[in-house]
Amino acid sequence: MNTIHQLASFRWGARRQLGVAFVLVMWVIAMLSVVLGSFALIARTEAMQSKHLFDTTTARYAAEAGLNLAVYGLSKSDPEQKWMADGRPYSVTFDDIQVELTITDDSGKIDINAADSAGLKNLFVGAGVEEPQAEELADAIVDWRDPDDLSSLHGAERDDYRAVDLPYGPRNAPFETLSEIQQVLGMNYELYSKIEPAITMFSGRSTPSAAYAPIEALMAIPGMTLEQAQQLIAQRQALAPGQLGQGNSGLMMPDGSPLMADGGGLTYSVKSRASLPNGASTVLDATVRMGGMNSAGRPFVVLRWRDGENS
């Protein structure tokens, strides 16, 4: 009887140990599954990040290649082959990467360091700002860049900034960057985004050249309607290369005067957008000055550079 009891106890103990071992094995398998799953997720995430970085880098270099191609097109001496800097689109392909380019001569933009109050006011009115506010913004810009502390008729000096609890006042010196204009009293990012394509610091002109002006700058011309600006750009971009520069375009301004290709400086704004087949893209926006040779051996100097992913 004791033998039978001992045998039964042994079998029960063995089964109990087997049960514990089974639970332990299942626990180990579950832990290994979690660990392996974590490693797989990390590996997949790293692979996606590497692919994203590779695509972004590829697109960026393609966009930079587009910029260099645009500079090459601008440097051609033959007016029939020289690329036009009036904002017309150019498209090139590097392998399977599509690059879209636009070039704008900065003489067609409004120089925020040179334009007078009337020209600046027209810029804001063209951007949809009511005339009283446009006058205030224009005079505030003039007060920001002039060397004195005397307020213009509708302008703003240091006391006006203090009155609205701003911890700064006008620079009393020329703008150093385009984005600095956002610090002017009354300006905001939304308005800056509207006028940014039309402004520059590099032309030195008091008025923009309509032969190269983007639509935002054309809208600053008194009496110019949106329809007229769009029509003028379409007619201008339909001209053959070199035709506009020869002064025989035959195009007319809204006031009846001929469109003259005055200006045409050495400073250009180039926008290069590179798009990969998978949809990844990068946009490069640069302002370059032609002539001479920079430290990298390139026949241009970069005055402004902005690039970013846009996928």
Protein backbone atom coordinates (compact mmCIF):
# COMPACT_ATOMS: atom_id res chain seq x y z
CA MET A 1 0.00 0.00 0.00
CA ASN A 2 2.81 2.34 0.86
CA THR A 3 4.50 1.50 -2.41
CA ILE A 4 1.37 2.37 -4.35
CA HIS A 5 1.02 5.63 -2.42
CA GLN A 6 4.64 6.55 -3.07
CA LEU A 7 4.26 5.76 -6.75
CA ALA A 8 1.17 7.96 -6.99
CA SER A 9 2.95 10.78 -5.19
CA PHE A 10 5.91 10.47 -7.56
CA ARG A 11 3.67 10.64 -10.59
CA TRP A 12 1.83 13.66 -9.21
CA GLY A 13 5.15 15.41 -8.47
CA ALA A 14 6.45 14.63 -11.94
CA ARG A 15 3.32 16.01 -13.52
CA ARG A 16 3.62 19.11 -11.35
CA GLN A 17 7.22 19.62 -12.42
CA LEU A 18 6.25 19.12 -16.05
CA GLY A 19 3.54 21.75 -15.64
CA VAL A 20 5.98 24.21 -14.11
CA ALA A 21 8.50 23.52 -16.88
CA PHE A 22 5.81 24.02 -19.52
CA VAL A 23 4.82 27.38 -18.02
CA LEU A 24 8.48 28.37 -17.81
CA VAL A 25 9.06 27.42 -21.46
CA MET A 26 5.99 29.37 -22.57
CA TRP A 27 7.16 32.37 -20.55
CA VAL A 28 10.61 32.23 -22.16
CA ILE A 29 9.04 31.93 -25.62
CA ALA A 30 6.83 34.94 -24.90
CA MET A 31 9.80 36.98 -23.72
CA LEU A 32 11.82 36.00 -26.77
CA SER A 33 8.91 36.98 -29.00
CA VAL A 34 8.75 40.40 -27.36
CA VAL A 35 12.52 40.89 -27.67
CA LEU A 36 12.63 39.69 -31.27
CA GLY A 37 9.59 41.83 -32.10
CA SER A 38 11.29 44.87 -30.60
CA PHE A 39 14.44 44.20 -32.59
CA ALA A 40 12.38 43.78 -35.75
CA LEU A 41 10.55 47.05 -35.11
CA ILE A 42 13.83 48.87 -34.43
CA ALA A 43 15.39 47.41 -37.57
CA ARG A 44 12.35 48.37 -39.64
CA THR A 45 12.33 51.91 -38.22
CA GLU A 46 16.05 52.33 -38.88
CA ALA A 47 15.59 51.02 -42.42
CA MET A 48 12.79 53.52 -43.03
CA GLN A 49 14.88 56.34 -41.56
CA SER A 50 17.85 55.37 -43.72
CA LYS A 51 15.66 55.24 -46.82
CA HIS A 52 14.14 58.61 -45.95
CA LEU A 53 17.58 60.14 -45.38
CA PHE A 54 18.86 58.66 -48.63
CA ASP A 55 15.87 60.01 -50.60
CA THR A 56 16.15 63.44 -48.99
CA THR A 57 19.89 63.63 -49.66
CA THR A 58 19.43 62.47 -53.26
CA ALA A 59 16.71 65.06 -53.86
CA ARG A 60 18.80 67.80 -52.25
CA TYR A 61 21.81 67.13 -54.45
CA ALA A 62 19.56 67.00 -57.52
CA ALA A 63 18.08 70.38 -56.55
CA GLU A 64 21.59 71.78 -56.11
CA ALA A 65 22.54 70.39 -59.52
CA GLY A 66 19.51 72.24 -60.90
CA LEU A 67 20.79 75.46 -59.33
CA ASN A 68 24.18 75.02 -60.98
CA LEU A 69 22.51 74.30 -64.31
CA ALA A 70 20.47 77.50 -63.97
CA VAL A 71 23.65 79.49 -63.31
CA TYR A 72 25.21 77.91 -66.38
CA GLY A 73 22.18 78.91 -68.44
CA LEU A 74 22.39 82.47 -67.15
CA SER A 75 26.08 82.73 -67.96
CA LYS A 76 25.70 82.01 -71.69
CA SER A 77 26.79 84.90 -73.86
CA ASP A 78 24.46 84.08 -76.74
CA PRO A 79 21.13 85.86 -75.97
CA GLU A 80 19.29 83.22 -77.99
CA GLN A 81 20.53 80.48 -75.65
CA LYS A 82 20.72 82.37 -72.37
CA TRP A 83 18.09 81.35 -69.86
CA MET A 84 15.45 83.97 -69.13
CA ALA A 85 15.20 85.33 -65.60
CA ASP A 86 11.57 86.42 -65.78
CA GLY A 87 10.12 83.60 -63.70
CA ARG A 88 9.32 81.27 -66.58
CA PRO A 89 9.54 77.57 -65.67
CA TYR A 90 12.35 75.28 -66.79
CA SER A 91 12.30 71.51 -66.36
CA VAL A 92 15.21 69.05 -66.51
CA THR A 93 15.66 65.39 -65.64
CA PHE A 94 18.63 63.77 -63.91
CA ASP A 95 18.22 60.01 -64.36
CA ASP A 96 14.68 59.56 -63.02
CA ILE A 97 14.65 62.71 -60.86
CA GLN A 98 12.53 65.60 -62.13
CA VAL A 99 13.86 69.09 -61.38
CA GLU A 100 11.69 72.17 -61.89
CA LEU A 101 13.39 75.57 -61.97
CA THR A 102 12.36 79.21 -61.96
CA ILE A 103 14.74 82.16 -62.14
CA THR A 104 13.87 85.74 -61.27
CA ASP A 105 16.15 88.71 -61.86
CA ASP A 106 16.18 90.59 -58.55
CA SER A 107 15.91 93.89 -60.44
CA GLY A 108 12.27 92.92 -60.89
CA LYS A 109 11.73 92.82 -57.13
CA ILE A 110 11.16 95.61 -54.62
CA ASP A 111 14.30 96.42 -52.65
CA ILE A 112 13.24 96.98 -49.04
CA ASN A 113 16.42 98.98 -48.44
CA ALA A 114 15.95 101.27 -51.45
CA ALA A 115 12.23 101.60 -52.22
CA ASP A 116 10.53 104.78 -51.04
CA SER A 117 7.42 104.91 -48.89
CA ALA A 118 5.10 105.21 -51.90
CA GLY A 119 6.54 102.10 -53.54
CA LEU A 120 6.31 100.11 -50.32
CA LYS A 121 2.74 101.26 -49.82
CA ASN A 122 1.84 100.01 -53.31
CA LEU A 123 3.42 96.66 -52.44
CA PHE A 124 1.13 96.22 -49.44
CA VAL A 125 -1.96 97.48 -51.25
CA GLY A 126 -1.22 94.98 -54.01
CA ALA A 127 -1.06 92.27 -51.34
CA GLY A 128 -4.58 93.14 -50.21
CA VAL A 129 -3.81 95.48 -47.30
CA GLU A 130 -6.14 98.42 -46.75
CA GLU A 131 -4.59 101.76 -47.70
CA PRO A 132 -4.34 103.28 -44.17
CA GLN A 133 -2.57 100.19 -42.85
CA ALA A 134 -0.39 100.05 -45.97
CA GLU A 135 0.75 103.63 -45.31
CA GLU A 136 1.63 102.78 -41.72
CA LEU A 137 3.60 99.70 -42.73
CA ALA A 138 5.49 101.55 -45.47
CA ASP A 139 6.50 104.41 -43.18
CA ALA A 140 7.41 101.99 -40.40
CA ILE A 141 9.79 100.21 -42.78
CA VAL A 142 11.40 103.51 -43.73
CA ASP A 143 11.77 104.39 -40.04
CA TRP A 144 13.31 100.98 -39.34
CA ARG A 145 16.12 101.47 -41.84
CA ASP A 146 16.79 105.23 -41.64
CA PRO A 147 19.57 106.40 -39.28
CA ASP A 148 17.51 108.81 -37.16
CA ASP A 149 14.90 108.59 -34.42
CA LEU A 150 12.45 110.94 -36.16
CA SER A 151 9.15 109.28 -36.90
CA SER A 152 7.68 109.50 -40.40
CA LEU A 153 4.10 110.73 -40.85
CA HIS A 154 2.60 107.25 -40.33
CA GLY A 155 5.76 105.53 -39.13
CA ALA A 156 7.04 104.10 -35.88
CA GLU A 157 10.10 104.75 -33.75
CA ARG A 158 11.27 103.25 -30.46
CA ASP A 159 8.52 104.79 -28.30
CA ASP A 160 5.85 103.27 -30.55
CA TYR A 161 7.35 99.81 -30.10
CA ARG A 162 7.52 100.29 -26.34
CA ALA A 163 3.87 101.35 -26.32
CA VAL A 164 2.88 97.85 -27.47
CA ASP A 165 5.35 96.14 -25.10
CA LEU A 166 7.88 95.15 -27.73
CA PRO A 167 11.39 94.83 -26.22
CA TYR A 168 13.11 96.37 -29.23
CA GLY A 169 12.91 99.30 -31.60
CA PRO A 170 13.96 100.10 -35.16
CA ARG A 171 17.45 99.07 -36.22
CA ASN A 172 18.09 102.54 -37.71
CA ALA A 173 20.18 100.77 -40.34
CA PRO A 174 19.48 98.81 -43.54
CA PHE A 175 17.81 95.42 -43.29
CA GLU A 176 20.31 92.57 -43.02
CA THR A 177 17.89 89.76 -43.92
CA LEU A 178 14.52 89.64 -45.63
CA SER A 179 12.90 87.95 -42.63
CA GLU A 180 13.94 90.90 -40.45
CA ILE A 181 11.03 92.85 -41.95
CA GLN A 182 8.73 90.73 -39.78
CA GLN A 183 9.96 92.68 -36.74
CA VAL A 184 8.61 95.94 -38.14
CA LEU A 185 5.63 97.23 -36.19
CA GLY A 186 2.40 96.03 -37.82
CA MET A 187 3.96 93.16 -39.77
CA ASN A 188 3.04 89.51 -39.28
CA TYR A 189 4.09 86.19 -40.79
CA GLU A 190 0.99 85.84 -42.97
CA LEU A 191 1.61 89.19 -44.65
CA TYR A 192 5.32 88.48 -44.93
CA SER A 193 4.54 85.21 -46.74
CA LYS A 194 2.50 87.14 -49.29
CA ILE A 195 5.15 89.74 -50.09
CA GLU A 196 8.30 87.61 -49.66
CA PRO A 197 8.45 86.53 -53.35
CA ALA A 198 8.38 90.21 -54.39
CA ILE A 199 11.09 91.67 -52.13
CA THR A 200 14.88 91.74 -52.16
CA MET A 201 17.83 93.51 -50.57
CA PHE A 202 20.21 93.15 -53.48
CA SER A 203 19.00 95.19 -56.46
CA GLY A 204 19.64 98.69 -55.11
CA ARG A 205 16.75 99.94 -57.27
CA SER A 206 14.07 102.27 -55.98
CA THR A 207 11.51 100.78 -58.39
CA PRO A 208 11.29 97.26 -59.82
CA SER A 209 11.71 96.43 -63.50
CA ALA A 210 8.40 95.16 -64.86
CA ALA A 211 10.31 93.08 -67.42
CA TYR A 212 11.36 90.65 -64.70
CA ALA A 213 8.90 91.32 -61.88
CA PRO A 214 6.98 88.44 -60.30
CA ILE A 215 3.24 88.87 -60.05
CA GLU A 216 3.48 90.12 -56.44
CA ALA A 217 5.77 92.96 -57.55
CA LEU A 218 3.66 93.76 -60.62
CA MET A 219 0.67 94.20 -58.33
CA ALA A 220 2.59 97.04 -56.65
CA ILE A 221 2.44 99.08 -59.86
CA PRO A 222 -0.34 101.69 -59.51
CA GLY A 223 -3.38 100.79 -61.57
CA MET A 224 -2.24 97.21 -62.23
CA THR A 225 -5.02 94.66 -61.79
CA LEU A 226 -4.53 90.97 -61.13
CA GLU A 227 -5.83 90.11 -64.59
CA GLN A 228 -3.45 92.59 -66.24
CA ALA A 229 -0.50 91.25 -64.23
CA GLN A 230 -1.32 87.67 -65.19
CA GLN A 231 -1.71 88.63 -68.84
CA LEU A 232 1.58 90.55 -68.89
CA ILE A 233 3.47 87.61 -67.39
CA ALA A 234 1.94 85.19 -69.91
CA GLN A 235 2.88 87.49 -72.81
CA ARG A 236 6.35 88.09 -71.39
CA GLN A 237 7.10 84.40 -70.96
CA ALA A 238 5.90 83.68 -74.51
CA LEU A 239 8.76 85.75 -75.90
CA ALA A 240 11.77 83.99 -77.36
CA PRO A 241 15.02 84.15 -75.40
CA GLY A 242 16.81 87.41 -76.11
CA GLN A 243 13.77 89.17 -77.53
CA LEU A 244 12.92 91.00 -74.33
CA GLY A 245 16.49 92.17 -73.75
CA GLN A 246 16.62 93.73 -77.20
CA GLY A 247 13.82 96.11 -76.29
CA ASN A 248 11.60 95.03 -79.17
CA SER A 249 9.13 92.91 -77.27
CA GLY A 250 6.11 94.90 -78.41
CA LEU A 251 4.50 94.44 -74.99
CA MET A 252 2.71 97.33 -73.35
CA MET A 253 2.15 98.35 -69.76
CA PRO A 254 -1.40 99.14 -68.54
CA ASP A 255 -0.73 102.88 -68.90
CA GLY A 256 0.13 102.41 -72.59
CA SER A 257 3.89 102.73 -72.22
CA PRO A 258 6.12 100.03 -73.76
CA LEU A 259 7.55 97.33 -71.55
CA MET A 260 11.25 98.09 -71.32
CA ALA A 261 13.88 95.59 -70.21
CA ASP A 262 15.63 98.09 -67.98
CA GLY A 263 17.70 96.69 -65.19
CA GLY A 264 18.75 93.14 -65.79
CA GLY A 265 21.37 93.00 -63.08
CA LEU A 266 23.71 90.27 -61.90
CA THR A 267 21.64 89.05 -58.95
CA TYR A 268 19.09 86.27 -59.38
CA SER A 269 16.69 84.31 -57.22
CA VAL A 270 16.63 80.65 -58.22
CA LYS A 271 14.08 78.13 -56.99
CA SER A 272 14.92 74.49 -57.68
CA ARG A 273 12.50 71.69 -56.78
CA ALA A 274 13.69 68.09 -57.18
CA SER A 275 11.12 65.27 -57.08
CA LEU A 276 11.87 61.55 -56.88
CA PRO A 277 9.56 58.91 -58.42
CA ASN A 278 8.45 57.81 -54.94
CA GLY A 279 7.15 61.32 -54.21
CA ALA A 280 9.99 62.56 -51.98
CA SER A 281 11.09 66.07 -52.88
CA THR A 282 13.29 68.94 -51.77
CA VAL A 283 13.04 72.64 -52.58
CA LEU A 284 16.10 74.86 -52.74
CA ASP A 285 15.61 78.64 -52.81
CA ALA A 286 18.78 80.66 -53.33
CA THR A 287 19.83 84.15 -54.33
CA VAL A 288 23.09 84.28 -56.25
CA ARG A 289 25.26 87.03 -57.68
CA MET A 290 27.02 86.28 -60.93
CA GLY A 291 30.58 87.22 -61.72
CA GLY A 292 33.98 86.49 -60.30
CA MET A 293 34.90 83.22 -58.65
CA ASN A 294 34.04 82.17 -55.12
CA SER A 295 36.18 80.12 -52.73
CA ALA A 296 34.66 76.89 -54.06
CA GLY A 297 35.65 77.75 -57.61
CA ARG A 298 32.15 78.60 -58.73
CA PRO A 299 31.42 81.63 -60.95
CA PHE A 300 28.84 83.00 -58.53
CA VAL A 301 28.42 84.00 -54.91
CA VAL A 302 25.51 82.79 -52.76
CA LEU A 303 23.81 85.72 -51.04
CA ARG A 304 20.87 83.83 -49.59
CA TRP A 305 20.24 80.11 -49.20
CA ARG A 306 17.21 78.21 -47.98
CA ASP A 307 16.43 74.56 -48.53
CA GLY A 308 14.00 72.16 -47.00
CA GLU A 309 12.25 68.89 -47.41
CA ASN A 310 8.86 68.95 -49.07
CA SER A 311 7.52 65.46 -49.48
